[in-house]
Amino acid sequence: MALQDFIIELIEGLLDCEDLKLDDKDVRFYEKGTTAADDECLDDHIKWKNARHYNTDSNIIRNSLLIVQLPVSGSVEYLSLSVGDLYRNYRRNGLQPVLAEVTATLKQLRDSAYGRAELLKKFHDLDAIRERLILRPLNYDNNDTVLSKGIYRRIGDIALVLYISLGTSENETSKDVLSTMVSRELFQIWDVGEAEILDQALENTMRLQAPVLCQLTSATRFQLKRYKILEEDVKLDFHSSLAPTLTTTQEVNGAIAAFYPEAQERLYQMIGGDFYLVFTSIYDVHIHPTDGFITVRKMQELLNETNRKMNKREEVLSRQIYRYHGIKKELEAVSPDL
């Protein structure tokens, strides 16, 4: 089946699904290089998608997409599907498995959206959602277009961004925790200071995702030990070649743990001095004592290689090495020439 025929049959299959109750205007195919300018809301969705994934302020569709809109509680949820991925799946498995997978995804999106829609009604009331405010770490350089619309605290090339936690759906993994970025428009309605609300969000994040220190106990057996450093009396060899890794209990954007003041102070006490941090992804950070055997230059080389070979664009958190100064109680980027 040719690509165009496949798209037509897939759309017809979605429209025939009685449970979804979609009509022609809800399922649209857009070729690469086109825009959705005739629909302001959908156009905004494309702009947000481009800002989030490509860091560009553009409404041009970067890859051919099938976009499905689901009316939910007076609002609309969008699902963007790569036509290339769908077609490759069809070539391997046939139409029905593709249709079944897309249908199941749409039902899951719809079901979770109803709960979010109820929560969205409370967003204007800060007291109603204050305990849901969290911070997510993002690379500033990769996301400055999106960040221009949000609230964040910048440390070097890292931004700690204000989000509202929406919980998780029943079938999702811990790394797919639902959240939405707080826009500047919403923040201004709250009439509160940025520093105050960011501090509150950091406290919430630590309460919801406690810091965890992980270390391999054997380079050959790969036995990983996890320690809740704020709850346990832990003694680790930070001078070992198996560098401990800091994350959170859920590992959801776990590198945020490196910005918890209590975690920073606890690591400083455990190590007995200042330490370096290598943010290998948004999920975790490697900890090295400043008097360790590995140089900052070598840390930088390893970080560059990790970002290039291991991380997707959205998983890159930093391209710099940081040092925690125990006396100043500050994190700062350091030169690789040290």
Protein backbone atom coordinates (compact mmCIF):
# COMPACT_ATOMS: atom_id res chain seq x y z
CA MET A 1 0.00 0.00 0.00
CA ALA A 2 1.35 3.44 -0.95
CA LEU A 3 1.85 6.05 1.76
CA GLN A 4 -1.14 8.17 0.73
CA ASP A 5 -3.44 5.14 0.67
CA PHE A 6 -2.17 4.08 4.10
CA ILE A 7 -2.92 7.53 5.55
CA ILE A 8 -6.44 7.52 4.10
CA GLU A 9 -7.22 4.06 5.50
CA LEU A 10 -5.75 4.92 8.92
CA ILE A 11 -7.85 8.10 9.14
CA GLU A 12 -10.97 6.21 8.07
CA GLY A 13 -10.28 3.59 10.73
CA LEU A 14 -10.00 6.26 13.43
CA LEU A 15 -13.21 7.95 12.28
CA ASP A 16 -15.03 4.59 12.36
CA CYS A 17 -14.11 4.00 16.02
CA GLU A 18 -17.37 4.62 17.87
CA ASP A 19 -15.66 4.97 21.23
CA LEU A 20 -13.49 7.91 20.12
CA LYS A 21 -16.34 9.82 18.43
CA LEU A 22 -14.04 11.75 16.06
CA ASP A 23 -15.15 13.62 12.97
CA ASP A 24 -13.31 14.86 9.87
CA LYS A 25 -12.01 18.06 11.43
CA ASP A 26 -10.46 16.15 14.35
CA VAL A 27 -7.97 14.12 12.28
CA ARG A 28 -5.63 15.99 9.97
CA PHE A 29 -2.59 15.12 7.90
CA TYR A 30 0.13 17.73 7.41
CA GLU A 31 3.07 17.32 5.07
CA LYS A 32 6.56 18.42 6.03
CA GLY A 33 7.03 22.14 5.42
CA THR A 34 3.36 23.09 5.76
CA THR A 35 1.63 24.97 8.60
CA ALA A 36 -1.63 24.78 10.50
CA ALA A 37 -2.24 28.50 10.16
CA ASP A 38 -5.96 28.07 9.44
CA ASP A 39 -6.49 26.83 13.01
CA GLU A 40 -5.08 29.20 15.63
CA CYS A 41 -5.12 26.68 18.49
CA LEU A 42 -3.50 23.95 16.39
CA ASP A 43 -0.98 26.47 15.08
CA ASP A 44 -0.06 27.32 18.69
CA HIS A 45 0.37 23.58 19.36
CA ILE A 46 2.85 23.32 16.47
CA LYS A 47 4.75 26.38 17.68
CA TRP A 48 4.99 24.93 21.17
CA LYS A 49 6.12 21.56 19.78
CA ASN A 50 8.84 23.26 17.69
CA ALA A 51 9.96 25.37 20.63
CA ARG A 52 10.11 22.37 22.96
CA HIS A 53 11.79 19.90 20.62
CA TYR A 54 13.77 22.13 18.23
CA ASN A 55 14.15 25.40 20.20
CA THR A 56 12.78 27.43 17.28
CA ASP A 57 10.00 30.02 17.18
CA SER A 58 8.28 28.60 14.11
CA ASN A 59 4.92 27.18 13.04
CA ILE A 60 6.38 25.16 10.16
CA ILE A 61 5.86 21.41 10.52
CA ARG A 62 9.29 19.75 10.59
CA ASN A 63 8.17 16.21 9.73
CA SER A 64 4.96 14.89 8.18
CA LEU A 65 2.40 14.50 10.96
CA LEU A 66 -1.00 13.05 11.63
CA ILE A 67 -2.54 15.31 14.28
CA VAL A 68 -5.60 14.19 16.21
CA GLN A 69 -7.53 16.58 18.40
CA LEU A 70 -9.69 15.25 21.23
CA PRO A 71 -12.38 17.50 22.69
CA VAL A 72 -12.20 17.13 26.49
CA SER A 73 -14.31 19.09 29.00
CA GLY A 74 -14.62 22.17 26.81
CA SER A 75 -10.93 22.07 25.88
CA VAL A 76 -8.85 20.21 23.29
CA GLU A 77 -6.02 17.69 23.67
CA TYR A 78 -3.66 17.18 20.72
CA LEU A 79 -1.74 14.05 19.75
CA SER A 80 0.95 14.44 17.08
CA LEU A 81 2.00 11.22 15.35
CA SER A 82 5.00 10.87 13.03
CA VAL A 83 3.70 9.61 9.70
CA GLY A 84 7.10 8.11 8.95
CA ASP A 85 7.03 6.03 12.14
CA LEU A 86 3.43 4.96 11.50
CA TYR A 87 4.19 3.89 7.95
CA ARG A 88 7.28 1.90 8.95
CA ASN A 89 5.18 0.17 11.60
CA TYR A 90 2.53 -0.58 8.99
CA ARG A 91 5.12 -2.04 6.59
CA ARG A 92 6.27 -4.42 9.32
CA ASN A 93 2.96 -5.35 10.94
CA GLY A 94 0.05 -4.31 8.76
CA LEU A 95 -2.75 -1.77 9.20
CA GLN A 96 -4.76 -3.28 12.06
CA PRO A 97 -1.90 -3.32 14.65
CA VAL A 98 -1.10 0.30 13.79
CA LEU A 99 -4.73 1.32 14.09
CA ALA A 100 -5.11 -0.56 17.38
CA GLU A 101 -2.00 1.11 18.85
CA VAL A 102 -3.06 4.62 17.84
CA THR A 103 -6.60 4.03 19.11
CA ALA A 104 -5.32 2.78 22.48
CA THR A 105 -3.01 5.80 22.81
CA LEU A 106 -5.89 8.17 22.08
CA LYS A 107 -8.14 6.48 24.65
CA GLN A 108 -5.42 6.69 27.27
CA LEU A 109 -4.85 10.37 26.45
CA ARG A 110 -8.56 11.08 26.69
CA ASP A 111 -8.99 9.28 30.00
CA SER A 112 -6.06 11.06 31.64
CA ALA A 113 -7.11 14.38 30.11
CA TYR A 114 -10.43 14.40 31.96
CA GLY A 115 -8.60 14.34 35.28
CA ARG A 116 -6.20 17.05 34.14
CA ALA A 117 -9.06 19.20 32.91
CA GLU A 118 -10.55 19.27 36.39
CA LEU A 119 -7.20 20.24 37.84
CA LEU A 120 -6.68 22.93 35.19
CA LYS A 121 -9.77 24.72 36.50
CA LYS A 122 -7.92 25.28 39.79
CA PHE A 123 -4.72 26.70 38.28
CA HIS A 124 -5.70 30.31 38.85
CA ASP A 125 -5.99 29.64 42.60
CA LEU A 126 -2.40 29.43 43.84
CA ASP A 127 -3.37 27.98 47.22
CA ALA A 128 -5.26 25.16 45.51
CA ILE A 129 -2.23 23.95 43.57
CA ARG A 130 0.69 25.26 45.65
CA GLU A 131 1.67 21.77 46.84
CA ARG A 132 1.81 20.57 43.22
CA LEU A 133 4.45 23.09 42.16
CA ILE A 134 7.73 21.38 41.23
CA LEU A 135 10.97 22.17 39.44
CA ARG A 136 12.31 20.36 36.39
CA PRO A 137 15.91 20.75 35.19
CA LEU A 138 16.37 21.71 31.54
CA ASN A 139 19.37 22.77 29.50
CA TYR A 140 19.03 26.51 29.00
CA ASP A 141 20.71 26.71 25.59
CA ASN A 142 18.52 23.95 24.13
CA ASN A 143 15.30 25.49 25.46
CA ASP A 144 15.63 29.27 25.61
CA THR A 145 12.67 29.73 23.23
CA VAL A 146 10.37 27.77 25.54
CA LEU A 147 11.90 29.32 28.65
CA SER A 148 11.06 32.82 27.45
CA LYS A 149 7.44 31.88 28.20
CA GLY A 150 8.10 30.32 31.62
CA ILE A 151 9.43 30.91 35.13
CA TYR A 152 12.85 29.53 36.01
CA ARG A 153 16.04 29.93 38.01
CA ARG A 154 19.22 29.79 35.93
CA ILE A 155 22.50 28.27 37.17
CA GLY A 156 25.15 28.27 34.43
CA ASP A 157 23.70 26.49 31.42
CA ILE A 158 20.99 24.82 33.52
CA ALA A 159 17.48 26.17 34.13
CA LEU A 160 15.32 24.97 37.04
CA VAL A 161 11.87 25.45 35.53
CA LEU A 162 8.57 25.86 37.36
CA TYR A 163 5.99 23.16 36.55
CA ILE A 164 2.71 21.93 37.99
CA SER A 165 2.62 18.19 38.67
CA LEU A 166 -0.45 16.50 37.21
CA GLY A 167 0.32 13.05 38.60
CA THR A 168 0.72 9.89 36.53
CA SER A 169 -1.66 7.70 34.61
CA GLU A 170 -2.15 4.11 35.72
CA ASN A 171 -0.15 2.53 32.91
CA GLU A 172 2.69 5.02 32.71
CA THR A 173 6.23 4.52 33.93
CA SER A 174 7.75 6.79 36.54
CA LYS A 175 9.69 8.68 33.86
CA ASP A 176 6.41 9.75 32.23
CA VAL A 177 5.08 11.74 35.15
CA LEU A 178 2.62 14.28 33.78
CA SER A 179 3.31 17.96 34.33
CA THR A 180 2.77 21.29 32.65
CA MET A 181 5.04 24.30 32.58
CA VAL A 182 3.78 27.40 34.39
CA SER A 183 3.40 30.23 31.88
CA ARG A 184 4.33 33.80 32.69
CA GLU A 185 0.70 34.79 32.15
CA LEU A 186 -0.51 32.37 34.81
CA PHE A 187 2.29 33.33 37.19
CA GLN A 188 1.36 37.02 36.99
CA ILE A 189 -2.19 36.18 38.09
CA TRP A 190 -0.82 34.67 41.30
CA ASP A 191 0.78 38.00 42.32
CA VAL A 192 3.71 36.40 44.16
CA GLY A 193 7.50 36.80 43.99
CA GLU A 194 9.52 34.49 41.73
CA ALA A 195 12.11 33.63 44.38
CA GLU A 196 9.42 32.68 46.89
CA ILE A 197 7.53 30.41 44.53
CA LEU A 198 10.69 28.78 43.15
CA ASP A 199 11.89 28.03 46.68
CA GLN A 200 8.49 26.52 47.48
CA ALA A 201 8.62 24.38 44.34
CA LEU A 202 12.10 23.13 45.22
CA GLU A 203 10.89 22.06 48.66
CA ASN A 204 7.92 20.28 47.09
CA THR A 205 10.15 18.50 44.61
CA MET A 206 12.42 17.19 47.35
CA ARG A 207 9.40 16.02 49.35
CA LEU A 208 8.00 14.16 46.35
CA GLN A 209 11.35 12.91 45.04
CA ALA A 210 13.92 12.37 47.78
CA PRO A 211 17.62 12.33 46.84
CA VAL A 212 19.21 8.92 46.31
CA LEU A 213 22.90 8.11 45.92
CA CYS A 214 23.69 5.08 43.77
CA GLN A 215 26.97 3.20 43.48
CA LEU A 216 28.13 0.06 41.75
CA THR A 217 29.68 -2.26 44.33
CA SER A 218 31.46 -4.35 41.69
CA ALA A 219 32.71 -3.39 38.26
CA THR A 220 32.25 -6.98 37.09
CA ARG A 221 28.90 -7.92 38.67
CA PHE A 222 27.20 -4.54 38.26
CA GLN A 223 25.52 -4.67 41.64
CA LEU A 224 23.89 -1.30 42.22
CA LYS A 225 23.28 -0.07 45.75
CA ARG A 226 20.87 2.80 46.42
CA TYR A 227 21.06 4.96 49.54
CA LYS A 228 18.58 7.59 50.75
CA ILE A 229 21.27 9.96 51.94
CA LEU A 230 18.99 12.19 54.02
CA GLU A 231 17.58 9.20 55.92
CA GLU A 232 20.55 6.82 56.19
CA ASP A 233 24.01 7.06 57.76
CA VAL A 234 25.94 6.25 54.59
CA LYS A 235 29.70 5.92 54.15
CA LEU A 236 30.89 5.58 50.55
CA ASP A 237 34.27 5.64 48.82
CA PHE A 238 34.00 8.70 46.61
CA HIS A 239 37.61 8.19 45.49
CA SER A 240 36.72 4.88 43.83
CA SER A 241 36.76 4.60 40.05
CA LEU A 242 33.06 3.73 40.37
CA ALA A 243 31.81 7.28 40.87
CA PRO A 244 28.58 7.53 42.92
CA THR A 245 25.57 8.84 41.04
CA LEU A 246 22.98 11.18 42.51
CA THR A 247 19.35 10.92 41.43
CA THR A 248 15.92 10.76 43.09
CA THR A 249 13.70 7.96 44.37
CA GLN A 250 11.60 8.04 41.21
CA GLU A 251 14.49 8.98 38.88
CA VAL A 252 12.09 11.48 37.29
CA ASN A 253 14.34 14.29 36.11
CA GLY A 254 16.54 12.99 38.92
CA ALA A 255 19.38 15.47 38.37
CA ILE A 256 17.21 18.00 40.24
CA ALA A 257 18.51 16.36 43.45
CA ALA A 258 21.84 18.14 42.92
CA PHE A 259 20.08 21.44 43.64
CA TYR A 260 18.52 20.42 46.96
CA PRO A 261 20.40 22.42 49.64
CA GLU A 262 20.07 19.55 52.11
CA ALA A 263 21.52 17.07 49.60
CA GLN A 264 24.40 19.42 48.76
CA GLU A 265 25.28 19.82 52.45
CA ARG A 266 24.99 16.08 53.10
CA LEU A 267 27.35 15.27 50.22
CA TYR A 268 29.78 17.93 51.43
CA GLN A 269 29.83 16.25 54.85
CA MET A 270 30.18 12.75 53.42
CA ILE A 271 33.03 13.72 51.11
CA GLY A 272 34.71 16.01 53.62
CA GLY A 273 35.04 18.91 51.24
CA ASP A 274 34.04 20.42 47.92
CA PHE A 275 33.04 18.20 45.01
CA TYR A 276 32.52 18.25 41.27
CA LEU A 277 29.24 17.41 39.54
CA VAL A 278 28.99 15.91 36.06
CA PHE A 279 25.39 16.15 34.80
CA THR A 280 25.35 13.13 32.50
CA SER A 281 21.64 13.63 31.71
CA ILE A 282 18.45 15.12 33.16
CA TYR A 283 18.13 11.87 35.12
CA ASP A 284 21.31 11.82 37.20
CA VAL A 285 24.64 13.41 38.06
CA HIS A 286 28.05 11.87 38.85
CA ILE A 287 29.80 13.08 42.00
CA HIS A 288 33.61 13.42 42.24
CA PRO A 289 35.68 14.84 45.14
CA THR A 290 37.87 17.77 44.14
CA ASP A 291 40.94 15.89 45.35
CA GLY A 292 40.03 12.77 43.36
CA PHE A 293 42.14 11.10 40.69
CA ILE A 294 40.05 12.25 37.70
CA THR A 295 40.78 15.71 36.28
CA VAL A 296 38.18 18.26 35.25
CA ARG A 297 39.49 17.99 31.69
CA LYS A 298 38.81 14.24 31.68
CA MET A 299 35.35 14.81 33.21
CA GLN A 300 34.64 17.26 30.40
CA GLU A 301 35.75 14.79 27.74
CA LEU A 302 33.53 12.07 29.21
CA LEU A 303 30.57 14.44 29.44
CA ASN A 304 31.01 15.54 25.83
CA GLU A 305 31.07 11.92 24.70
CA THR A 306 28.01 11.02 26.78
CA ASN A 307 25.98 13.92 25.41
CA ARG A 308 27.03 13.07 21.85
CA LYS A 309 26.53 9.30 21.93
CA MET A 310 24.11 8.46 24.75
CA ASN A 311 21.62 11.30 25.18
CA LYS A 312 18.71 12.42 23.09
CA ARG A 313 18.54 16.18 22.66
CA GLU A 314 15.89 16.55 25.35
CA GLU A 315 17.95 14.45 27.79
CA VAL A 316 21.02 16.70 27.68
CA LEU A 317 21.14 18.81 30.83
CA SER A 318 24.54 20.47 30.76
CA ARG A 319 27.70 20.79 28.70
CA GLN A 320 29.70 22.10 31.64
CA ILE A 321 31.33 20.68 34.78
CA TYR A 322 30.20 22.18 38.10
CA ARG A 323 31.75 22.53 41.54
CA TYR A 324 29.95 22.77 44.85
CA HIS A 325 31.62 25.22 47.25
CA GLY A 326 30.75 24.16 50.76
CA ILE A 327 31.71 27.43 52.41
CA LYS A 328 29.81 29.61 49.92
CA LYS A 329 27.07 26.96 49.57
CA GLU A 330 26.99 27.55 45.83
CA LEU A 331 27.24 25.63 42.58
CA GLU A 332 29.31 27.15 39.80
CA ALA A 333 30.62 26.03 36.42
CA VAL A 334 34.36 25.41 36.25
CA SER A 335 36.93 25.54 33.45
CA PRO A 336 38.04 22.22 31.93
CA ASP A 337 41.64 23.45 32.19
CA LEU A 338 41.73 22.74 35.95
